Protein backbone atom coordinates (compact mmCIF):
# COMPACT_ATOMS: atom_id res chain seq x y z
CA MET A 1 76.62 -33.83 -13.61
CA LYS A 2 76.72 -30.14 -14.48
CA VAL A 3 74.36 -29.29 -17.32
CA GLU A 4 75.11 -26.56 -19.86
CA VAL A 5 72.01 -24.88 -21.32
CA VAL A 6 72.33 -22.18 -24.01
CA VAL A 7 69.38 -19.90 -24.82
CA ILE A 8 69.05 -19.53 -28.61
CA SER A 9 65.80 -17.56 -28.85
CA LYS A 10 63.33 -15.56 -26.78
CA GLU A 11 59.85 -14.36 -27.72
CA ILE A 12 56.50 -13.41 -26.24
CA ILE A 13 53.41 -15.56 -26.83
CA ARG A 14 50.16 -13.59 -26.77
CA PRO A 15 46.52 -14.71 -26.82
CA SER A 16 45.29 -15.55 -30.34
CA SER A 17 42.50 -12.97 -29.95
CA PRO A 18 42.38 -9.81 -27.77
CA THR A 19 40.76 -9.83 -24.35
CA PRO A 20 37.43 -7.90 -24.37
CA ASP A 21 37.50 -4.55 -22.58
CA HIS A 22 35.03 -5.67 -19.89
CA LEU A 23 37.45 -8.46 -18.88
CA ARG A 24 40.61 -6.35 -18.84
CA THR A 25 40.79 -6.24 -15.03
CA TYR A 26 41.01 -9.56 -13.24
CA GLN A 27 40.39 -8.88 -9.57
CA LEU A 28 42.45 -10.89 -7.10
CA SER A 29 40.36 -12.48 -4.36
CA PHE A 30 41.09 -12.26 -0.65
CA LEU A 31 42.45 -15.82 -0.82
CA ASP A 32 44.68 -14.83 -3.76
CA GLN A 33 45.98 -11.87 -1.77
CA ILE A 34 47.06 -14.02 1.18
CA SER A 35 48.52 -16.78 -0.98
CA PRO A 36 52.31 -16.84 -1.11
CA PRO A 37 54.07 -15.41 -4.15
CA VAL A 38 55.25 -18.74 -5.61
CA TYR A 39 54.88 -20.37 -9.00
CA ASN A 40 53.04 -23.56 -9.98
CA PRO A 41 53.43 -26.22 -14.01
CA LEU A 42 51.41 -25.12 -18.79
CA LYS A 43 50.49 -22.73 -31.24
CA SER A 44 47.84 -24.28 -28.88
CA LEU A 45 49.07 -22.16 -26.00
CA SER A 46 48.16 -18.98 -27.82
CA ASN A 47 44.61 -20.30 -28.26
CA VAL A 48 44.35 -21.45 -24.64
CA LEU A 49 45.47 -18.03 -23.40
CA THR A 50 42.25 -16.55 -24.80
CA GLN A 51 40.37 -18.65 -22.22
CA PHE A 52 42.92 -18.23 -19.42
CA TYR A 53 43.46 -14.57 -20.30
CA PRO A 54 44.74 -13.42 -16.85
CA LEU A 55 47.89 -15.50 -17.44
CA ALA A 56 48.86 -13.23 -20.34
CA GLY A 57 48.40 -10.07 -18.25
CA ARG A 58 50.53 -8.30 -15.66
CA ALA A 59 49.99 -8.15 -11.89
CA GLN A 60 49.33 -4.75 -10.40
CA GLY A 61 50.58 -5.10 -6.86
CA ASN A 62 48.49 -7.37 -4.67
CA LEU A 63 45.16 -6.15 -6.02
CA PHE A 64 44.44 -7.24 -9.59
CA ILE A 65 45.79 -8.50 -12.92
CA ASP A 66 45.78 -6.08 -15.83
CA CYS A 67 44.64 -8.43 -18.62
CA ASN A 68 46.45 -6.43 -21.30
CA ASP A 69 47.47 -9.38 -23.51
CA GLN A 70 51.18 -8.60 -23.09
CA GLY A 71 51.75 -12.33 -23.26
CA ILE A 72 54.01 -14.88 -21.65
CA PRO A 73 57.77 -15.43 -22.13
CA TYR A 74 58.81 -18.34 -24.34
CA LEU A 75 62.46 -19.39 -24.53
CA GLU A 76 64.16 -22.05 -26.63
CA THR A 77 67.50 -23.57 -25.65
CA ARG A 78 70.04 -26.18 -26.65
CA VAL A 79 71.26 -28.55 -23.93
CA LYS A 80 74.82 -29.82 -24.35
CA CYS A 81 74.27 -33.38 -23.18
CA GLN A 82 72.02 -36.38 -23.75
CA LEU A 83 68.54 -36.53 -22.24
CA SER A 84 69.55 -39.75 -20.49
CA ASP A 85 72.36 -37.90 -18.69
CA VAL A 86 69.72 -35.88 -16.84
CA ILE A 87 67.06 -38.55 -16.36
CA GLN A 88 69.31 -41.33 -15.08
CA ASN A 89 70.65 -39.24 -12.21
CA PRO A 90 68.54 -36.10 -11.81
CA ILE A 91 70.11 -33.28 -9.82
CA PRO A 92 67.24 -30.90 -9.03
CA ILE A 93 69.43 -27.81 -8.71
CA GLU A 94 70.56 -28.46 -12.30
CA LEU A 95 66.92 -28.72 -13.39
CA ASN A 96 66.54 -25.01 -12.57
CA LYS A 97 68.31 -24.38 -15.87
CA PHE A 98 65.34 -25.83 -17.77
CA ILE A 99 62.79 -23.23 -16.65
CA PRO A 100 62.38 -19.70 -18.06
CA PHE A 101 63.60 -17.70 -15.05
CA GLN A 102 64.61 -17.74 -11.41
CA VAL A 103 61.91 -16.96 -8.93
CA ASP A 104 63.26 -13.64 -7.72
CA GLU A 105 63.84 -12.27 -11.23
CA VAL A 106 60.21 -11.29 -11.94
CA ALA A 107 57.43 -9.54 -10.11
CA ASP A 108 54.44 -9.06 -12.38
CA ILE A 109 54.35 -12.00 -14.85
CA SER A 110 52.02 -14.94 -14.18
CA PHE A 111 53.29 -17.58 -16.54
CA GLY A 112 56.24 -18.62 -18.77
CA VAL A 113 57.76 -21.49 -20.78
CA GLN A 114 61.13 -22.82 -21.91
CA LEU A 115 61.68 -25.50 -24.56
CA ASN A 116 65.03 -27.27 -24.11
CA ILE A 117 66.38 -29.50 -26.91
CA PHE A 118 69.02 -32.14 -26.10
CA GLU A 119 71.78 -33.40 -28.39
CA CYS A 120 69.97 -36.72 -28.76
CA GLY A 121 66.77 -35.04 -30.00
CA GLY A 122 64.90 -35.30 -26.73
CA ILE A 123 63.29 -32.25 -25.17
CA ALA A 124 62.54 -30.81 -21.76
CA LEU A 125 59.57 -28.47 -21.54
CA GLY A 126 59.86 -26.17 -18.53
CA MET A 127 56.90 -24.13 -17.31
CA CYS A 128 56.03 -21.91 -14.34
CA ILE A 129 52.76 -20.42 -13.06
CA SER A 130 52.33 -17.92 -10.25
CA HIS A 131 50.76 -19.16 -7.04
CA LYS A 132 49.53 -15.61 -6.60
CA ILE A 133 46.92 -16.29 -9.28
CA ALA A 134 46.29 -20.05 -9.12
CA ASP A 135 46.35 -23.05 -6.83
CA ALA A 136 47.51 -26.54 -7.83
CA LEU A 137 44.09 -27.70 -9.06
CA SER A 138 43.71 -24.58 -11.22
CA PHE A 139 47.15 -25.23 -12.61
CA PHE A 140 46.53 -28.83 -13.55
CA ASN A 141 43.14 -27.99 -15.06
CA PHE A 142 44.98 -25.47 -17.22
CA ILE A 143 47.45 -28.19 -18.22
CA LYS A 144 44.55 -30.53 -19.05
CA THR A 145 42.86 -27.88 -21.23
CA TRP A 146 46.09 -26.96 -22.97
CA ALA A 147 46.89 -30.62 -23.67
CA ALA A 148 43.38 -31.25 -25.04
CA THR A 149 43.71 -28.18 -27.27
CA ALA A 150 47.06 -29.45 -28.55
CA ARG A 151 45.45 -32.83 -29.40
CA GLN A 152 42.50 -30.99 -31.03
CA GLN A 153 40.05 -32.81 -28.77
CA GLY A 154 37.48 -30.10 -28.18
CA ASP A 155 35.19 -32.38 -26.20
CA HIS A 156 37.84 -32.53 -23.45
CA ILE A 157 38.11 -28.75 -23.12
CA VAL A 158 36.35 -27.10 -20.17
CA CYS A 159 36.45 -23.31 -19.85
CA PRO A 160 37.59 -21.95 -16.48
CA GLN A 161 35.25 -20.10 -14.16
CA PHE A 162 36.76 -16.96 -12.65
CA VAL A 163 34.66 -16.62 -9.50
CA SER A 164 37.18 -16.37 -6.66
CA ALA A 165 37.08 -12.57 -6.25
CA LYS A 166 33.28 -12.61 -6.22
CA LEU A 167 33.21 -15.28 -3.52
CA PHE A 168 36.10 -13.83 -1.52
CA PRO A 169 36.28 -10.08 -2.18
CA PRO A 170 39.72 -8.51 -1.72
CA LYS A 171 40.55 -6.95 1.65
CA ASN A 172 43.06 -4.64 3.20
CA ILE A 173 45.69 -7.13 4.38
CA SER A 174 48.18 -4.62 5.76
CA GLY A 175 50.14 -6.19 8.58
CA PHE A 176 50.20 -9.63 6.95
CA ASN A 177 53.13 -10.88 4.89
CA PRO A 178 52.20 -13.73 2.50
CA ARG A 179 55.89 -14.64 2.27
CA VAL A 180 56.03 -15.97 5.85
CA GLY A 181 57.60 -19.42 5.64
CA ILE A 182 59.48 -18.65 2.42
CA THR A 183 63.15 -18.52 3.20
CA ARG A 184 66.51 -18.03 1.55
CA GLU A 185 68.17 -20.11 4.24
CA ASN A 186 70.04 -23.21 3.18
CA ILE A 187 66.92 -25.36 3.00
CA VAL A 188 67.54 -28.89 1.76
CA THR A 189 65.03 -31.05 -0.10
CA ARG A 190 65.32 -34.82 -0.18
CA MET A 191 62.97 -37.16 -1.95
CA PHE A 192 61.95 -40.42 -0.27
CA VAL A 193 60.09 -43.15 -2.16
CA PHE A 194 57.62 -45.13 -0.04
CA GLU A 195 56.57 -48.43 -1.57
CA ALA A 196 52.93 -49.48 -1.29
CA SER A 197 53.73 -52.30 1.17
CA LYS A 198 55.48 -49.88 3.54
CA ILE A 199 52.56 -47.47 3.37
CA GLU A 200 50.11 -50.28 4.16
CA ALA A 201 52.17 -51.19 7.22
CA LEU A 202 51.98 -47.57 8.43
CA LYS A 203 48.23 -47.45 7.79
CA THR A 204 47.82 -50.54 9.96
CA LYS A 205 50.05 -49.12 12.67
CA TYR A 206 48.17 -45.84 12.91
CA GLY A 207 44.72 -47.33 12.37
CA ALA A 208 43.88 -50.83 13.48
CA GLY A 209 47.16 -51.90 15.10
CA ASP A 210 47.00 -53.90 18.34
CA HIS A 211 48.36 -51.01 20.37
CA SER A 212 46.45 -48.23 18.69
CA LYS A 213 43.32 -46.52 19.97
CA SER A 214 43.60 -43.73 17.44
CA LEU A 215 40.52 -44.55 15.36
CA GLU A 216 37.21 -45.99 16.42
CA ASN A 217 35.91 -49.08 14.65
CA HIS A 218 33.31 -47.14 12.67
CA GLN A 219 35.86 -44.76 11.17
CA LYS A 220 37.72 -45.26 7.93
CA PRO A 221 41.29 -46.50 8.24
CA PRO A 222 44.00 -43.91 7.61
CA SER A 223 44.56 -42.90 4.01
CA ARG A 224 48.02 -43.18 2.49
CA VAL A 225 48.60 -39.45 2.95
CA GLU A 226 47.30 -39.47 6.53
CA ALA A 227 49.57 -42.36 7.47
CA LEU A 228 52.68 -40.83 5.87
CA SER A 229 51.94 -37.41 7.38
CA ALA A 230 51.69 -38.95 10.85
CA PHE A 231 54.88 -40.96 10.38
CA ILE A 232 57.00 -38.06 9.09
CA TRP A 233 55.72 -35.67 11.75
CA ASP A 234 56.39 -38.23 14.48
CA ARG A 235 59.99 -38.65 13.29
CA PHE A 236 60.41 -34.86 13.04
CA MET A 237 59.16 -34.39 16.61
CA ALA A 238 61.39 -37.15 17.97
CA ALA A 239 64.46 -35.66 16.32
CA THR A 240 63.96 -31.93 16.91
CA GLN A 241 61.86 -31.41 20.04
CA VAL A 242 63.95 -29.85 22.79
CA LYS A 243 63.15 -31.55 26.09
CA SER A 244 64.53 -29.16 28.70
CA ASP A 245 63.08 -27.05 31.48
CA ILE A 246 65.15 -24.11 30.30
CA ALA A 247 64.21 -24.44 26.63
CA PRO A 248 61.91 -21.70 25.31
CA LYS A 249 58.26 -22.72 25.29
CA ARG A 250 57.15 -23.60 21.77
CA PHE A 251 54.14 -25.37 20.35
CA TYR A 252 54.11 -27.56 17.26
CA ALA A 253 51.48 -27.41 14.53
CA ILE A 254 50.62 -29.59 11.54
CA VAL A 255 49.18 -27.82 8.50
CA HIS A 256 47.32 -29.53 5.63
CA ALA A 257 46.09 -27.79 2.48
CA VAL A 258 42.32 -28.29 1.95
CA ASN A 259 40.38 -27.72 -1.29
CA LEU A 260 37.43 -25.38 -0.67
CA ARG A 261 35.54 -26.13 -3.89
CA THR A 262 33.66 -29.08 -2.42
CA ARG A 263 33.10 -27.35 0.94
CA ILE A 264 31.27 -24.27 -0.34
CA ASP A 265 27.48 -24.29 -0.46
CA PRO A 266 26.66 -24.88 -3.26
CA PRO A 267 29.87 -26.69 -4.27
CA LEU A 268 32.01 -25.20 -7.03
CA PRO A 269 33.03 -27.12 -10.15
CA GLU A 270 36.64 -28.28 -10.12
CA HIS A 271 37.46 -25.98 -13.06
CA SER A 272 36.86 -22.90 -10.87
CA PHE A 273 40.09 -20.92 -11.22
CA GLY A 274 42.05 -19.20 -8.47
CA ASN A 275 43.35 -19.91 -4.99
CA LEU A 276 40.36 -21.82 -3.66
CA TYR A 277 42.08 -23.59 -0.80
CA ARG A 278 42.77 -23.02 2.88
CA PHE A 279 44.77 -24.69 5.59
CA ALA A 280 43.63 -26.97 8.38
CA MET A 281 45.94 -26.37 11.35
CA THR A 282 46.27 -29.03 14.04
CA ILE A 283 48.10 -28.33 17.30
CA PRO A 284 48.10 -31.89 18.58
CA SER A 285 47.80 -32.93 22.16
CA LEU A 286 50.95 -34.91 23.03
CA ASP A 287 49.61 -36.77 26.07
CA THR A 288 46.90 -38.97 24.53
CA GLY A 289 48.69 -42.26 25.16
CA GLU A 290 47.83 -43.28 21.59
CA GLU A 291 50.09 -44.42 18.77
CA CYS A 292 51.74 -41.29 17.35
CA TYR A 293 49.55 -39.20 19.71
CA GLY A 294 46.44 -40.21 17.76
CA LEU A 295 47.55 -37.73 15.13
CA VAL A 296 45.37 -39.16 12.35
CA ARG A 297 42.24 -38.63 14.45
CA GLN A 298 43.30 -35.16 15.59
CA VAL A 299 44.05 -34.01 12.04
CA ARG A 300 40.73 -35.37 10.78
CA ASP A 301 38.91 -33.42 13.47
CA GLN A 302 40.49 -30.17 12.27
CA VAL A 303 39.92 -30.88 8.56
CA LYS A 304 36.23 -31.50 9.29
CA LYS A 305 35.99 -27.95 10.61
CA ILE A 306 36.73 -26.65 7.10
CA ASP A 307 33.03 -26.78 6.21
CA LYS A 308 30.40 -24.45 4.79
CA ASN A 309 30.17 -22.55 8.08
CA TYR A 310 33.92 -21.98 8.00
CA VAL A 311 33.69 -20.75 4.40
CA GLU A 312 30.87 -18.34 5.29
CA LYS A 313 32.99 -16.82 8.07
CA LEU A 314 35.91 -16.63 5.65
CA GLN A 315 33.74 -14.70 3.19
CA LYS A 316 32.10 -12.32 5.65
CA GLY A 317 34.59 -11.31 8.30
CA SER A 318 38.16 -10.46 9.19
CA GLU A 319 38.41 -13.25 11.77
CA HIS A 320 40.50 -15.46 9.48
CA LEU A 321 42.89 -12.65 8.58
CA ASP A 322 43.39 -11.82 12.27
CA PHE A 323 44.07 -15.50 12.95
CA ILE A 324 46.72 -15.92 10.26
CA LYS A 325 48.35 -12.64 11.26
CA GLN A 326 48.68 -13.96 14.80
CA ARG A 327 50.01 -17.34 13.66
CA SER A 328 52.49 -15.63 11.32
CA ASP A 329 53.69 -13.55 14.25
CA ASN A 330 54.09 -16.73 16.33
CA VAL A 331 56.22 -18.32 13.62
CA PHE A 332 58.31 -15.18 13.18
CA LYS A 333 59.06 -15.01 16.91
CA GLY A 334 59.96 -18.71 17.06
CA GLU A 335 57.02 -19.51 19.36
CA MET A 336 55.45 -21.97 16.93
CA VAL A 337 57.06 -24.65 14.78
CA THR A 338 54.93 -25.72 11.84
CA MET A 339 55.18 -28.66 9.48
CA SER A 340 53.07 -28.29 6.36
CA PHE A 341 51.82 -31.11 4.14
CA THR A 342 50.39 -30.83 0.66
CA SER A 343 49.32 -33.77 -1.47
CA LEU A 344 49.19 -34.01 -5.24
CA CYS A 345 48.25 -37.67 -5.01
CA ARG A 346 45.33 -38.56 -7.31
CA PHE A 347 45.90 -35.40 -9.34
CA PRO A 348 46.01 -36.24 -13.07
CA LEU A 349 49.74 -35.56 -13.37
CA TYR A 350 50.34 -38.56 -15.58
CA GLU A 351 47.52 -37.68 -17.97
CA ALA A 352 49.25 -34.61 -19.43
CA ASP A 353 49.31 -35.84 -23.03
CA PHE A 354 50.09 -33.09 -25.55
CA GLY A 355 50.03 -35.59 -28.38
CA TRP A 356 53.39 -37.09 -27.40
CA GLY A 357 52.09 -39.68 -24.93
CA ASN A 358 51.76 -39.58 -21.15
CA PRO A 359 54.59 -38.57 -18.82
CA THR A 360 57.22 -41.10 -17.87
CA TRP A 361 57.79 -39.43 -14.51
CA VAL A 362 56.53 -36.44 -12.54
CA GLY A 363 58.66 -34.92 -9.83
CA SER A 364 59.58 -31.81 -7.86
CA PRO A 365 62.88 -30.01 -7.36
CA ALA A 366 63.64 -27.75 -4.38
CA LEU A 367 60.81 -25.91 -2.67
CA THR A 368 61.01 -22.55 -0.93
CA PHE A 369 59.32 -23.33 2.39
CA ASN A 370 60.95 -24.65 5.52
CA ASN A 371 59.32 -27.78 7.02
CA LEU A 372 57.20 -28.54 3.97
CA VAL A 373 56.36 -32.03 2.70
CA VAL A 374 54.88 -32.64 -0.76
CA PHE A 375 53.38 -36.02 -1.68
CA ILE A 376 53.22 -37.17 -5.31
CA ASP A 377 51.98 -40.53 -6.59
CA ALA A 378 54.59 -42.86 -8.01
CA LYS A 379 53.66 -43.65 -11.59
CA SER A 380 52.83 -47.27 -10.79
CA GLY A 381 52.67 -49.69 -7.89
CA GLY A 382 50.68 -47.54 -5.47
CA GLY A 383 53.74 -45.94 -3.89
CA ILE A 384 54.28 -42.30 -2.99
CA GLU A 385 57.24 -39.96 -3.47
CA ALA A 386 57.65 -37.61 -0.49
CA TYR A 387 59.66 -34.43 -0.91
CA ILE A 388 60.79 -33.22 2.51
CA ASN A 389 62.07 -29.64 2.72
CA MET A 390 63.73 -28.38 5.91
CA LYS A 391 66.96 -27.18 7.41
CA GLU A 392 69.78 -29.53 6.66
CA GLU A 393 70.65 -30.22 10.30
CA ASP A 394 67.02 -31.20 11.04
CA LEU A 395 66.70 -33.39 7.97
CA ASP A 396 69.98 -35.11 8.77
CA LYS A 397 68.57 -36.11 12.16
CA ILE A 398 65.45 -37.77 10.76
CA GLU A 399 66.83 -39.17 7.50
CA GLY A 400 67.78 -42.55 8.93
CA ASP A 401 64.38 -42.96 10.59
CA VAL A 402 62.53 -42.09 7.38
CA SER A 403 64.63 -43.97 4.86
CA VAL A 404 65.37 -47.17 6.76
CA PRO A 405 63.41 -49.36 6.59
CA HIS A 406 60.41 -47.37 5.37
CA ALA A 407 61.57 -45.61 2.23
CA THR A 408 64.35 -45.24 -0.32
CA LEU A 409 66.24 -41.97 -0.47
CA ASN A 410 66.48 -40.94 -4.12
CA TYR A 411 68.29 -37.62 -4.35
CA TYR A 412 69.13 -34.35 -2.69
CA ILE A 413 68.09 -30.84 -3.59
CA THR A 414 69.69 -27.76 -2.06
CA ASN A 415 67.50 -24.68 -2.30
CA LYS A 416 70.01 -22.00 -3.22
CA ASN A 417 67.81 -20.19 -5.72
CA PHE A 418 64.47 -19.77 -3.98
CA LEU A 419 62.61 -21.97 -6.45
CA THR A 420 59.80 -24.47 -6.62
CA SER A 421 59.34 -26.68 -9.66
CA TRP A 422 57.70 -29.77 -11.03
CA ILE A 423 59.35 -32.19 -13.39
CA ILE A 424 57.37 -34.30 -15.83
CA LEU A 425 59.23 -36.80 -18.00
CA PHE A 426 57.96 -38.18 -21.29
CA GLU A 427 59.10 -40.81 -23.74
CA GLY A 428 57.83 -41.22 -27.27
CA GLU A 429 58.53 -41.36 -30.97
CA LYS A 430 55.87 -38.86 -32.11
CA GLN A 431 56.91 -35.68 -33.90
CA LEU A 432 56.79 -32.34 -32.12
CA LYS A 433 54.35 -30.19 -34.10
CA GLY A 434 53.25 -26.62 -33.58
CA LEU A 435 53.11 -26.50 -29.79
CA THR A 436 54.30 -23.36 -28.14
CA LEU A 437 54.96 -24.25 -24.52
CA SER A 438 54.43 -22.06 -21.53
CA PHE A 439 54.56 -21.83 -17.79
CA TYR A 440 55.65 -19.01 -15.48
CA ILE A 441 55.88 -17.63 -11.94
CA ASP A 442 55.20 -14.52 -9.90
CA VAL A 443 56.48 -14.25 -6.34
CA ILE A 444 56.38 -17.98 -5.81
CA TRP A 445 56.48 -20.36 -8.74
CA ILE A 446 55.17 -23.81 -9.33
CA PRO A 447 57.41 -24.74 -12.31
CA CYS A 448 57.00 -27.92 -14.32
CA ILE A 449 59.39 -29.72 -16.67
CA PHE A 450 58.26 -32.32 -19.21
CA PHE A 451 60.91 -34.61 -20.70
CA TYR A 452 60.30 -36.32 -24.07
CA ALA A 453 62.69 -38.73 -25.79
CA ARG A 454 63.78 -38.47 -29.44
CA LEU A 455 61.29 -35.91 -30.73
CA TYR A 456 63.90 -34.01 -32.72
CA LYS A 457 66.52 -35.46 -35.07
């Protein structure tokens, strides 16, 4: 159904105390510079902004954040329907109305929030954070700190460490466009729910199946994410690969996001803030004779190469920048087809308790990248929700293979507005007290929407 949302107030939330002069400039790291401009999901907010002070500042190009305490946008709306009308049959494009802005409306803000109040008294809390300043782990650590502050549980609060620019000093990245892969084409997102039993069957098939030589006996069996990545990529290849002598020569690559915090020597704490991730790229050999080309093994081999030696090269030289420039050029010319996978499985999405209880559901509307798959844990049962984003004609070809008999197709999302967002649903009877909510985006957003039942009367 179409949802009508009316903005009734707008204000700016600033840190509860000013940022010291020696912290006024937050330098973007090299990894921040080459991260895409998207957005990630955040009276307690004002306090938390004193710790996460760059979020209240303004980006100055692709170099640094001016931590000038200008604050983050906070909007309040009234939604002219019942909360159940949205939850029972969510239409992701309609969920865009619950976040503070569209992605291409802002350029220098890092964070924002919108509180939406339904006729029944339920609420939807929409938030966005800029991927230019933070990766997913940074984002969810912010959420954890904000939630602990709201509950007044100081022992659960861990201050962020802003070390990314020191570890990865900014560089001249002229000639590289971080927006490669972001598109305004008619990208379609469809969510498929894989039950635990189906995932186990795929793990067996790609690991210890009778006809599989993919993994040696001493290796671990495929993880849930490895198995689903192999399956979805296999179906994508079968449906879209052009087998013709006259077809242009193209090579296919699989890309997985890898957290660098545990791969740096010495390792970084998980509350290190910034874009501390890189991508493992696998260009699989297609003539191995193994189940699904032995993709699980080939991907593992590439992920293993993201080690301390890789990080040292990343810190010291321009080799990585030259590599991604070349790969970006390959993609732009149509010489390389990539499928990217990112997993939020095992992230504490369902622990975001602001004093109203844990989320009922966490989900994602339309994403801005072509050929991108995002995995999120189902709340219970060990299943996984897979959000597949690609051109509609390609997704139509593989939908039957993916959804029958392996998964259930839940809903469609058409990316008309260049937006990424997360949805978090809550139920509860507790009163809403004194929380100012916030989440925002710059260049590329990671928005988040929390739904709570019957908090207002």
